[in-house]
Amino acid sequence: SLHKLAETFVFTSQGVPFIFAGDEMMRDKKGIHNSYNSPDSINTIDWRNKTIHHDVFDYVRELITLRKNHPAKIKGVYALENLLTRVKFLVVRRQAGKPND
């Protein structure tokens, strides 16, 4: 839930959203903050996480679609309020087991 909330802030903020490779599937570098000199076992993307955290992957994909299709293109407070209302709608529909429109 916290990861989804963080991604929601990224995609509903003004400017270009920045996500690092694997954020959409909860990539983890095993606690190493600066992995520049670390081996591939630390820096490689574990694609199994896409299956394990499929709900997060789908949520980020929906946020990307929502951002692309929102008419205001994330400009100003009014647009942000409208977008957050739409995100809440998606979350409520998903919790109810209904497909997203």
PDB file of N, CA and C in Angstrom:
ATOM      1  N   SER A   1       0.815  -1.202   0.000  1.00  0.00           N
ATOM      2  CA  SER A   1       0.000   0.000   0.000  1.00  0.00           C
ATOM      3  C   SER A   1       0.855   1.262   0.000  1.00  0.00           C
ATOM      4  N   LEU A   2       1.924   1.246   0.763  1.00  0.00           N
ATOM      5  CA  LEU A   2       2.794   2.418   0.826  1.00  0.00           C
ATOM      6  C   LEU A   2       3.489   2.646  -0.520  1.00  0.00           C
ATOM      7  N   HIS A   3       3.890   1.563  -1.164  1.00  0.00           N
ATOM      8  CA  HIS A   3       4.531   1.683  -2.473  1.00  0.00           C
ATOM      9  C   HIS A   3       3.547   2.263  -3.491  1.00  0.00           C
ATOM     10  N   LYS A   4       2.301   1.807  -3.462  1.00  0.00           N
ATOM     11  CA  LYS A   4       1.276   2.331  -4.375  1.00  0.00           C
ATOM     12  C   LYS A   4       1.029   3.808  -4.107  1.00  0.00           C
ATOM     13  N   LEU A   5       1.006   4.190  -2.837  1.00  0.00           N
ATOM     14  CA  LEU A   5       0.808   5.597  -2.491  1.00  0.00           C
ATOM     15  C   LEU A   5       1.960   6.445  -3.036  1.00  0.00           C
ATOM     16  N   ALA A   6       3.175   5.958  -2.882  1.00  0.00           N
ATOM     17  CA  ALA A   6       4.342   6.694  -3.399  1.00  0.00           C
ATOM     18  C   ALA A   6       4.270   6.841  -4.915  1.00  0.00           C
ATOM     19  N   GLU A   7       3.896   5.771  -5.612  1.00  0.00           N
ATOM     20  CA  GLU A   7       3.763   5.847  -7.075  1.00  0.00           C
ATOM     21  C   GLU A   7       2.643   6.808  -7.466  1.00  0.00           C
ATOM     22  N   THR A   8       1.575   6.848  -6.679  1.00  0.00           N
ATOM     23  CA  THR A   8       0.477   7.782  -6.952  1.00  0.00           C
ATOM     24  C   THR A   8       0.978   9.222  -6.884  1.00  0.00           C
ATOM     25  N   PHE A   9       1.803   9.529  -5.881  1.00  0.00           N
ATOM     26  CA  PHE A   9       2.373  10.883  -5.784  1.00  0.00           C
ATOM     27  C   PHE A   9       3.244  11.194  -6.998  1.00  0.00           C
ATOM     28  N   VAL A  10       4.042  10.224  -7.425  1.00  0.00           N
ATOM     29  CA  VAL A  10       4.938  10.437  -8.573  1.00  0.00           C
ATOM     30  C   VAL A  10       4.131  10.739  -9.827  1.00  0.00           C
ATOM     31  N   PHE A  11       3.082   9.959 -10.073  1.00  0.00           N
ATOM     32  CA  PHE A  11       2.343  10.085 -11.330  1.00  0.00           C
ATOM     33  C   PHE A  11       1.271  11.166 -11.316  1.00  0.00           C
ATOM     34  N   THR A  12       0.921  11.680 -10.147  1.00  0.00           N
ATOM     35  CA  THR A  12      -0.079  12.747 -10.107  1.00  0.00           C
ATOM     36  C   THR A  12       0.548  14.111  -9.841  1.00  0.00           C
ATOM     37  N   SER A  13       1.859  14.166  -9.796  1.00  0.00           N
ATOM     38  CA  SER A  13       2.559  15.436  -9.606  1.00  0.00           C
ATOM     39  C   SER A  13       2.852  16.074 -10.954  1.00  0.00           C
ATOM     40  N   GLN A  14       3.072  17.372 -10.928  1.00  0.00           N
ATOM     41  CA  GLN A  14       3.442  18.076 -12.146  1.00  0.00           C
ATOM     42  C   GLN A  14       4.848  17.680 -12.556  1.00  0.00           C
ATOM     43  N   GLY A  15       5.142  17.821 -13.825  1.00  0.00           N
ATOM     44  CA  GLY A  15       6.470  17.503 -14.319  1.00  0.00           C
ATOM     45  C   GLY A  15       6.554  16.086 -14.841  1.00  0.00           C
ATOM     46  N   VAL A  16       7.748  15.698 -15.206  1.00  0.00           N
ATOM     47  CA  VAL A  16       7.987  14.377 -15.776  1.00  0.00           C
ATOM     48  C   VAL A  16       8.135  13.372 -14.636  1.00  0.00           C
ATOM     49  N   PRO A  17       7.315  12.335 -14.619  1.00  0.00           N
ATOM     50  CA  PRO A  17       7.458  11.339 -13.550  1.00  0.00           C
ATOM     51  C   PRO A  17       8.730  10.511 -13.765  1.00  0.00           C
ATOM     52  N   PHE A  18       9.427  10.215 -12.688  1.00  0.00           N
ATOM     53  CA  PHE A  18      10.643   9.420 -12.779  1.00  0.00           C
ATOM     54  C   PHE A  18      10.447   8.139 -11.996  1.00  0.00           C
ATOM     55  N   ILE A  19      10.522   7.032 -12.696  1.00  0.00           N
ATOM     56  CA  ILE A  19      10.548   5.740 -12.019  1.00  0.00           C
ATOM     57  C   ILE A  19      11.800   5.019 -12.490  1.00  0.00           C
ATOM     58  N   PHE A  20      12.449   4.360 -11.575  1.00  0.00           N
ATOM     59  CA  PHE A  20      13.678   3.650 -11.892  1.00  0.00           C
ATOM     60  C   PHE A  20      13.329   2.239 -12.352  1.00  0.00           C
ATOM     61  N   ALA A  21      14.173   1.657 -13.159  1.00  0.00           N
ATOM     62  CA  ALA A  21      13.939   0.319 -13.711  1.00  0.00           C
ATOM     63  C   ALA A  21      13.570  -0.676 -12.612  1.00  0.00           C
ATOM     64  N   GLY A  22      12.370  -1.187 -12.696  1.00  0.00           N
ATOM     65  CA  GLY A  22      11.920  -2.187 -11.738  1.00  0.00           C
ATOM     66  C   GLY A  22      11.060  -1.646 -10.616  1.00  0.00           C
ATOM     67  N   ASP A  23      10.929  -0.315 -10.489  1.00  0.00           N
ATOM     68  CA  ASP A  23      10.063   0.247  -9.449  1.00  0.00           C
ATOM     69  C   ASP A  23       8.641  -0.281  -9.563  1.00  0.00           C
ATOM     70  N   GLU A  24       8.194  -0.468 -10.810  1.00  0.00           N
ATOM     71  CA  GLU A  24       6.820  -0.890 -11.046  1.00  0.00           C
ATOM     72  C   GLU A  24       6.553  -2.321 -10.591  1.00  0.00           C
ATOM     73  N   MET A  25       7.616  -3.049 -10.255  1.00  0.00           N
ATOM     74  CA  MET A  25       7.434  -4.408  -9.733  1.00  0.00           C
ATOM     75  C   MET A  25       8.211  -4.594  -8.432  1.00  0.00           C
ATOM     76  N   MET A  26       8.404  -3.493  -7.728  1.00  0.00           N
ATOM     77  CA  MET A  26       9.002  -3.459  -6.401  1.00  0.00           C
ATOM     78  C   MET A  26      10.418  -4.036  -6.382  1.00  0.00           C
ATOM     79  N   ARG A  27      11.236  -3.568  -7.305  1.00  0.00           N
ATOM     80  CA  ARG A  27      12.636  -4.006  -7.360  1.00  0.00           C
ATOM     81  C   ARG A  27      13.338  -3.710  -6.047  1.00  0.00           C
ATOM     82  N   ASP A  28      14.222  -4.600  -5.689  1.00  0.00           N
ATOM     83  CA  ASP A  28      14.916  -4.504  -4.408  1.00  0.00           C
ATOM     84  C   ASP A  28      16.397  -4.789  -4.642  1.00  0.00           C
ATOM     85  N   LYS A  29      17.254  -3.964  -4.061  1.00  0.00           N
ATOM     86  CA  LYS A  29      18.698  -4.187  -4.205  1.00  0.00           C
ATOM     87  C   LYS A  29      19.274  -4.758  -2.914  1.00  0.00           C
ATOM     88  N   LYS A  30      18.441  -5.480  -2.200  1.00  0.00           N
ATOM     89  CA  LYS A  30      18.854  -6.218  -0.997  1.00  0.00           C
ATOM     90  C   LYS A  30      19.521  -5.328   0.048  1.00  0.00           C
ATOM     91  N   GLY A  31      19.014  -4.116   0.188  1.00  0.00           N
ATOM     92  CA  GLY A  31      19.485  -3.210   1.229  1.00  0.00           C
ATOM     93  C   GLY A  31      20.755  -2.436   0.914  1.00  0.00           C
ATOM     94  N   ILE A  32      21.310  -2.618  -0.274  1.00  0.00           N
ATOM     95  CA  ILE A  32      22.528  -1.896  -0.647  1.00  0.00           C
ATOM     96  C   ILE A  32      22.114  -0.582  -1.306  1.00  0.00           C
ATOM     97  N   HIS A  33      22.427   0.539  -0.657  1.00  0.00           N
ATOM     98  CA  HIS A  33      21.971   1.839  -1.143  1.00  0.00           C
ATOM     99  C   HIS A  33      22.739   2.313  -2.373  1.00  0.00           C
ATOM    100  N   ASN A  34      24.047   2.106  -2.396  1.00  0.00           N
ATOM    101  CA  ASN A  34      24.850   2.497  -3.547  1.00  0.00           C
ATOM    102  C   ASN A  34      25.430   1.218  -4.152  1.00  0.00           C
ATOM    103  N   SER A  35      24.776   0.708  -5.165  1.00  0.00           N
ATOM    104  CA  SER A  35      25.155  -0.589  -5.720  1.00  0.00           C
ATOM    105  C   SER A  35      26.051  -0.464  -6.956  1.00  0.00           C
ATOM    106  N   TYR A  36      26.672   0.675  -7.131  1.00  0.00           N
ATOM    107  CA  TYR A  36      27.500   0.914  -8.316  1.00  0.00           C
ATOM    108  C   TYR A  36      28.562  -0.162  -8.513  1.00  0.00           C
ATOM    109  N   ASN A  37      29.266  -0.512  -7.470  1.00  0.00           N
ATOM    110  CA  ASN A  37      30.334  -1.513  -7.559  1.00  0.00           C
ATOM    111  C   ASN A  37      29.879  -2.910  -7.138  1.00  0.00           C
ATOM    112  N   SER A  38      28.592  -3.117  -7.028  1.00  0.00           N
ATOM    113  CA  SER A  38      28.063  -4.416  -6.602  1.00  0.00           C
ATOM    114  C   SER A  38      27.970  -5.369  -7.785  1.00  0.00           C
ATOM    115  N   PRO A  39      27.959  -6.661  -7.510  1.00  0.00           N
ATOM    116  CA  PRO A  39      27.871  -7.640  -8.592  1.00  0.00           C
ATOM    117  C   PRO A  39      26.475  -7.671  -9.227  1.00  0.00           C
ATOM    118  N   ASP A  40      26.386  -8.376 -10.344  1.00  0.00           N
ATOM    119  CA  ASP A  40      25.107  -8.505 -11.050  1.00  0.00           C
ATOM    120  C   ASP A  40      24.015  -9.113 -10.180  1.00  0.00           C
ATOM    121  N   SER A  41      24.391  -9.940  -9.227  1.00  0.00           N
ATOM    122  CA  SER A  41      23.384 -10.560  -8.359  1.00  0.00           C
ATOM    123  C   SER A  41      22.594  -9.504  -7.577  1.00  0.00           C
ATOM    124  N   ILE A  42      23.188  -8.352  -7.371  1.00  0.00           N
ATOM    125  CA  ILE A  42      22.497  -7.253  -6.676  1.00  0.00           C
ATOM    126  C   ILE A  42      21.764  -6.361  -7.671  1.00  0.00           C
ATOM    127  N   ASN A  43      22.379  -6.061  -8.803  1.00  0.00           N
ATOM    128  CA  ASN A  43      21.844  -5.081  -9.749  1.00  0.00           C
ATOM    129  C   ASN A  43      20.900  -5.647 -10.805  1.00  0.00           C
ATOM    130  N   THR A  44      20.838  -6.937 -10.945  1.00  0.00           N
ATOM    131  CA  THR A  44      19.975  -7.533 -11.952  1.00  0.00           C
ATOM    132  C   THR A  44      18.510  -7.405 -11.543  1.00  0.00           C
ATOM    133  N   ILE A  45      17.655  -7.133 -12.518  1.00  0.00           N
ATOM    134  CA  ILE A  45      16.211  -7.094 -12.247  1.00  0.00           C
ATOM    135  C   ILE A  45      15.707  -8.523 -12.154  1.00  0.00           C
ATOM    136  N   ASP A  46      15.032  -8.832 -11.065  1.00  0.00           N
ATOM    137  CA  ASP A  46      14.450 -10.155 -10.876  1.00  0.00           C
ATOM    138  C   ASP A  46      13.037 -10.119 -11.453  1.00  0.00           C
ATOM    139  N   TRP A  47      12.879 -10.667 -12.640  1.00  0.00           N
ATOM    140  CA  TRP A  47      11.605 -10.595 -13.355  1.00  0.00           C
ATOM    141  C   TRP A  47      10.505 -11.404 -12.689  1.00  0.00           C
ATOM    142  N   ARG A  48      10.862 -12.274 -11.752  1.00  0.00           N
ATOM    143  CA  ARG A  48       9.825 -13.001 -10.997  1.00  0.00           C
ATOM    144  C   ARG A  48       8.977 -12.042 -10.168  1.00  0.00           C
ATOM    145  N   ASN A  49       9.561 -10.894  -9.825  1.00  0.00           N
ATOM    146  CA  ASN A  49       8.804  -9.903  -9.041  1.00  0.00           C
ATOM    147  C   ASN A  49       7.585  -9.381  -9.789  1.00  0.00           C
ATOM    148  N   LYS A  50       7.627  -9.423 -11.109  1.00  0.00           N
ATOM    149  CA  LYS A  50       6.466  -8.975 -11.883  1.00  0.00           C
ATOM    150  C   LYS A  50       5.264  -9.866 -11.597  1.00  0.00           C
ATOM    151  N   THR A  51       5.514 -11.161 -11.401  1.00  0.00           N
ATOM    152  CA  THR A  51       4.442 -12.102 -11.062  1.00  0.00           C
ATOM    153  C   THR A  51       4.073 -11.983  -9.587  1.00  0.00           C
ATOM    154  N   ILE A  52       5.083 -11.900  -8.742  1.00  0.00           N
ATOM    155  CA  ILE A  52       4.848 -11.828  -7.293  1.00  0.00           C
ATOM    156  C   ILE A  52       4.087 -10.561  -6.918  1.00  0.00           C
ATOM    157  N   HIS A  53       4.464  -9.436  -7.523  1.00  0.00           N
ATOM    158  CA  HIS A  53       3.840  -8.136  -7.205  1.00  0.00           C
ATOM    159  C   HIS A  53       3.012  -7.639  -8.392  1.00  0.00           C
ATOM    160  N   HIS A  54       2.258  -8.528  -8.964  1.00  0.00           N
ATOM    161  CA  HIS A  54       1.475  -8.173 -10.162  1.00  0.00           C
ATOM    162  C   HIS A  54       0.476  -7.055  -9.883  1.00  0.00           C
ATOM    163  N   ASP A  55      -0.050  -6.999  -8.657  1.00  0.00           N
ATOM    164  CA  ASP A  55      -0.999  -5.941  -8.322  1.00  0.00           C
ATOM    165  C   ASP A  55      -0.346  -4.564  -8.404  1.00  0.00           C
ATOM    166  N   VAL A  56       0.905  -4.453  -7.958  1.00  0.00           N
ATOM    167  CA  VAL A  56       1.620  -3.175  -8.031  1.00  0.00           C
ATOM    168  C   VAL A  56       1.927  -2.839  -9.490  1.00  0.00           C
ATOM    169  N   PHE A  57       2.355  -3.833 -10.252  1.00  0.00           N
ATOM    170  CA  PHE A  57       2.643  -3.630 -11.667  1.00  0.00           C
ATOM    171  C   PHE A  57       1.401  -3.104 -12.397  1.00  0.00           C
ATOM    172  N   ASP A  58       0.251  -3.746 -12.161  1.00  0.00           N
ATOM    173  CA  ASP A  58      -0.999  -3.305 -12.790  1.00  0.00           C
ATOM    174  C   ASP A  58      -1.385  -1.899 -12.347  1.00  0.00           C
ATOM    175  N   TYR A  59      -1.181  -1.601 -11.065  1.00  0.00           N
ATOM    176  CA  TYR A  59      -1.523  -0.283 -10.539  1.00  0.00           C
ATOM    177  C   TYR A  59      -0.698   0.806 -11.219  1.00  0.00           C
ATOM    178  N   VAL A  60       0.605   0.569 -11.368  1.00  0.00           N
ATOM    179  CA  VAL A  60       1.476   1.553 -12.023  1.00  0.00           C
ATOM    180  C   VAL A  60       1.086   1.693 -13.493  1.00  0.00           C
ATOM    181  N   ARG A  61       0.768   0.588 -14.144  1.00  0.00           N
ATOM    182  CA  ARG A  61       0.326   0.647 -15.541  1.00  0.00           C
ATOM    183  C   ARG A  61      -0.942   1.493 -15.660  1.00  0.00           C
ATOM    184  N   GLU A  62      -1.877   1.338 -14.710  1.00  0.00           N
ATOM    185  CA  GLU A  62      -3.103   2.141 -14.722  1.00  0.00           C
ATOM    186  C   GLU A  62      -2.802   3.614 -14.475  1.00  0.00           C
ATOM    187  N   LEU A  63      -1.844   3.896 -13.592  1.00  0.00           N
ATOM    188  CA  LEU A  63      -1.454   5.289 -13.352  1.00  0.00           C
ATOM    189  C   LEU A  63      -0.849   5.917 -14.607  1.00  0.00           C
ATOM    190  N   ILE A  64      -0.045   5.155 -15.341  1.00  0.00           N
ATOM    191  CA  ILE A  64       0.539   5.658 -16.578  1.00  0.00           C
ATOM    192  C   ILE A  64      -0.556   5.963 -17.591  1.00  0.00           C
ATOM    193  N   THR A  65      -1.502   5.047 -17.734  1.00  0.00           N
ATOM    194  CA  THR A  65      -2.627   5.249 -18.660  1.00  0.00           C
ATOM    195  C   THR A  65      -3.455   6.455 -18.243  1.00  0.00           C
ATOM    196  N   LEU A  66      -3.722   6.543 -16.950  1.00  0.00           N
ATOM    197  CA  LEU A  66      -4.509   7.664 -16.433  1.00  0.00           C
ATOM    198  C   LEU A  66      -3.807   8.985 -16.711  1.00  0.00           C
ATOM    199  N   ARG A  67      -2.513   9.019 -16.495  1.00  0.00           N
ATOM    200  CA  ARG A  67      -1.748  10.252 -16.732  1.00  0.00           C
ATOM    201  C   ARG A  67      -1.748  10.625 -18.207  1.00  0.00           C
ATOM    202  N   LYS A  68      -1.574   9.639 -19.075  1.00  0.00           N
ATOM    203  CA  LYS A  68      -1.561   9.908 -20.516  1.00  0.00           C
ATOM    204  C   LYS A  68      -2.907  10.414 -21.011  1.00  0.00           C
ATOM    205  N   ASN A  69      -3.978   9.870 -20.474  1.00  0.00           N
ATOM    206  CA  ASN A  69      -5.318  10.164 -20.982  1.00  0.00           C
ATOM    207  C   ASN A  69      -6.026  11.304 -20.277  1.00  0.00           C
ATOM    208  N   HIS A  70      -5.496  11.778 -19.166  1.00  0.00           N
ATOM    209  CA  HIS A  70      -6.185  12.834 -18.423  1.00  0.00           C
ATOM    210  C   HIS A  70      -6.095  14.135 -19.203  1.00  0.00           C
ATOM    211  N   PRO A  71      -7.229  14.776 -19.455  1.00  0.00           N
ATOM    212  CA  PRO A  71      -7.235  15.968 -20.310  1.00  0.00           C
ATOM    213  C   PRO A  71      -6.409  17.140 -19.780  1.00  0.00           C
ATOM    214  N   ALA A  72      -6.277  17.260 -18.488  1.00  0.00           N
ATOM    215  CA  ALA A  72      -5.545  18.401 -17.926  1.00  0.00           C
ATOM    216  C   ALA A  72      -4.039  18.173 -17.923  1.00  0.00           C
ATOM    217  N   LYS A  73      -3.605  16.966 -18.172  1.00  0.00           N
ATOM    218  CA  LYS A  73      -2.168  16.630 -18.211  1.00  0.00           C
ATOM    219  C   LYS A  73      -1.429  17.095 -16.968  1.00  0.00           C
ATOM    220  N   ILE A  74      -2.060  16.945 -15.836  1.00  0.00           N
ATOM    221  CA  ILE A  74      -1.463  17.225 -14.529  1.00  0.00           C
ATOM    222  C   ILE A  74      -0.978  18.677 -14.416  1.00  0.00           C
ATOM    223  N   LYS A  75      -1.852  19.614 -14.705  1.00  0.00           N
ATOM    224  CA  LYS A  75      -1.486  21.021 -14.576  1.00  0.00           C
ATOM    225  C   LYS A  75      -2.417  21.688 -13.583  1.00  0.00           C
ATOM    226  N   GLY A  76      -1.883  22.131 -12.483  1.00  0.00           N
ATOM    227  CA  GLY A  76      -2.642  22.881 -11.508  1.00  0.00           C
ATOM    228  C   GLY A  76      -3.340  22.012 -10.470  1.00  0.00           C
ATOM    229  N   VAL A  77      -3.803  22.657  -9.415  1.00  0.00           N
ATOM    230  CA  VAL A  77      -4.440  21.974  -8.294  1.00  0.00           C
ATOM    231  C   VAL A  77      -5.750  21.329  -8.710  1.00  0.00           C
ATOM    232  N   TYR A  78      -6.561  22.006  -9.503  1.00  0.00           N
ATOM    233  CA  TYR A  78      -7.852  21.455  -9.925  1.00  0.00           C
ATOM    234  C   TYR A  78      -7.659  20.132 -10.665  1.00  0.00           C
ATOM    235  N   ALA A  79      -6.688  20.089 -11.545  1.00  0.00           N
ATOM    236  CA  ALA A  79      -6.405  18.856 -12.288  1.00  0.00           C
ATOM    237  C   ALA A  79      -5.962  17.754 -11.346  1.00  0.00           C
ATOM    238  N   LEU A  80      -5.158  18.102 -10.364  1.00  0.00           N
ATOM    239  CA  LEU A  80      -4.688  17.109  -9.407  1.00  0.00           C
ATOM    240  C   LEU A  80      -5.846  16.541  -8.600  1.00  0.00           C
ATOM    241  N   GLU A  81      -6.771  17.390  -8.175  1.00  0.00           N
ATOM    242  CA  GLU A  81      -7.945  16.913  -7.433  1.00  0.00           C
ATOM    243  C   GLU A  81      -8.771  15.964  -8.295  1.00  0.00           C
ATOM    244  N   ASN A  82      -8.968  16.310  -9.570  1.00  0.00           N
ATOM    245  CA  ASN A  82      -9.721  15.434 -10.465  1.00  0.00           C
ATOM    246  C   ASN A  82      -9.017  14.098 -10.657  1.00  0.00           C
ATOM    247  N   LEU A  83      -7.719  14.142 -10.813  1.00  0.00           N
ATOM    248  CA  LEU A  83      -6.960  12.923 -11.044  1.00  0.00           C
ATOM    249  C   LEU A  83      -6.991  12.024  -9.809  1.00  0.00           C
ATOM    250  N   LEU A  84      -6.830  12.600  -8.635  1.00  0.00           N
ATOM    251  CA  LEU A  84      -6.878  11.805  -7.405  1.00  0.00           C
ATOM    252  C   LEU A  84      -8.255  11.190  -7.200  1.00  0.00           C
ATOM    253  N   THR A  85      -9.313  11.894  -7.604  1.00  0.00           N
ATOM    254  CA  THR A  85     -10.657  11.322  -7.540  1.00  0.00           C
ATOM    255  C   THR A  85     -10.747  10.105  -8.440  1.00  0.00           C
ATOM    256  N   ARG A  86     -10.165  10.183  -9.615  1.00  0.00           N
ATOM    257  CA  ARG A  86     -10.163   9.051 -10.550  1.00  0.00           C
ATOM    258  C   ARG A  86      -9.347   7.880  -9.996  1.00  0.00           C
ATOM    259  N   VAL A  87      -8.211   8.153  -9.371  1.00  0.00           N
ATOM    260  CA  VAL A  87      -7.392   7.097  -8.766  1.00  0.00           C
ATOM    261  C   VAL A  87      -8.192   6.403  -7.669  1.00  0.00           C
ATOM    262  N   LYS A  88      -8.869   7.182  -6.842  1.00  0.00           N
ATOM    263  CA  LYS A  88      -9.689   6.596  -5.783  1.00  0.00           C
ATOM    264  C   LYS A  88     -10.762   5.706  -6.393  1.00  0.00           C
ATOM    265  N   PHE A  89     -11.376   6.140  -7.485  1.00  0.00           N
ATOM    266  CA  PHE A  89     -12.389   5.362  -8.178  1.00  0.00           C
ATOM    267  C   PHE A  89     -11.810   4.019  -8.635  1.00  0.00           C
ATOM    268  N   LEU A  90     -10.593   4.038  -9.202  1.00  0.00           N
ATOM    269  CA  LEU A  90      -9.953   2.803  -9.655  1.00  0.00           C
ATOM    270  C   LEU A  90      -9.702   1.855  -8.492  1.00  0.00           C
ATOM    271  N   VAL A  91      -9.247   2.396  -7.363  1.00  0.00           N
ATOM    272  CA  VAL A  91      -8.952   1.566  -6.197  1.00  0.00           C
ATOM    273  C   VAL A  91     -10.229   0.943  -5.652  1.00  0.00           C
ATOM    274  N   VAL A  92     -11.301   1.724  -5.547  1.00  0.00           N
ATOM    275  CA  VAL A  92     -12.572   1.211  -5.038  1.00  0.00           C
ATOM    276  C   VAL A  92     -13.119   0.131  -5.958  1.00  0.00           C
ATOM    277  N   ARG A  93     -13.051   0.339  -7.272  1.00  0.00           N
ATOM    278  CA  ARG A  93     -13.529  -0.669  -8.228  1.00  0.00           C
ATOM    279  C   ARG A  93     -12.709  -1.949  -8.126  1.00  0.00           C
ATOM    280  N   ARG A  94     -11.416  -1.804  -7.980  1.00  0.00           N
ATOM    281  CA  ARG A  94     -10.551  -2.988  -7.885  1.00  0.00           C
ATOM    282  C   ARG A  94     -10.862  -3.756  -6.605  1.00  0.00           C
ATOM    283  N   GLN A  95     -11.057  -3.059  -5.501  1.00  0.00           N
ATOM    284  CA  GLN A  95     -11.369  -3.728  -4.225  1.00  0.00           C
ATOM    285  C   GLN A  95     -12.719  -4.440  -4.306  1.00  0.00           C
ATOM    286  N   ALA A  96     -13.633  -3.900  -5.109  1.00  0.00           N
ATOM    287  CA  ALA A  96     -14.944  -4.520  -5.275  1.00  0.00           C
ATOM    288  C   ALA A  96     -14.910  -5.657  -6.297  1.00  0.00           C
ATOM    289  N   GLY A  97     -13.756  -5.862  -6.918  1.00  0.00           N
ATOM    290  CA  GLY A  97     -13.614  -6.932  -7.899  1.00  0.00           C
ATOM    291  C   GLY A  97     -14.224  -6.613  -9.245  1.00  0.00           C
ATOM    292  N   LYS A  98     -14.407  -5.318  -9.531  1.00  0.00           N
ATOM    293  CA  LYS A  98     -14.989  -4.900 -10.807  1.00  0.00           C
ATOM    294  C   LYS A  98     -13.891  -4.489 -11.769  1.00  0.00           C
ATOM    295  N   PRO A  99     -14.082  -4.706 -13.064  1.00  0.00           N
ATOM    296  CA  PRO A  99     -13.068  -4.272 -14.036  1.00  0.00           C
ATOM    297  C   PRO A  99     -13.012  -2.752 -14.107  1.00  0.00           C
ATOM    298  N   ASN A 100     -11.841  -2.243 -14.444  1.00  0.00           N
ATOM    299  CA  ASN A 100     -11.675  -0.794 -14.579  1.00  0.00           C
ATOM    300  C   ASN A 100     -12.170  -0.331 -15.929  1.00  0.00           C
ATOM    301  N   ASP A 101     -12.758   0.848 -15.963  1.00  0.00           N
ATOM    302  CA  ASP A 101     -13.257   1.428 -17.221  1.00  0.00           C
ATOM    303  C   ASP A 101     -12.170   2.222 -17.890  1.00  0.00           C
TER     304      ASP A 101
END
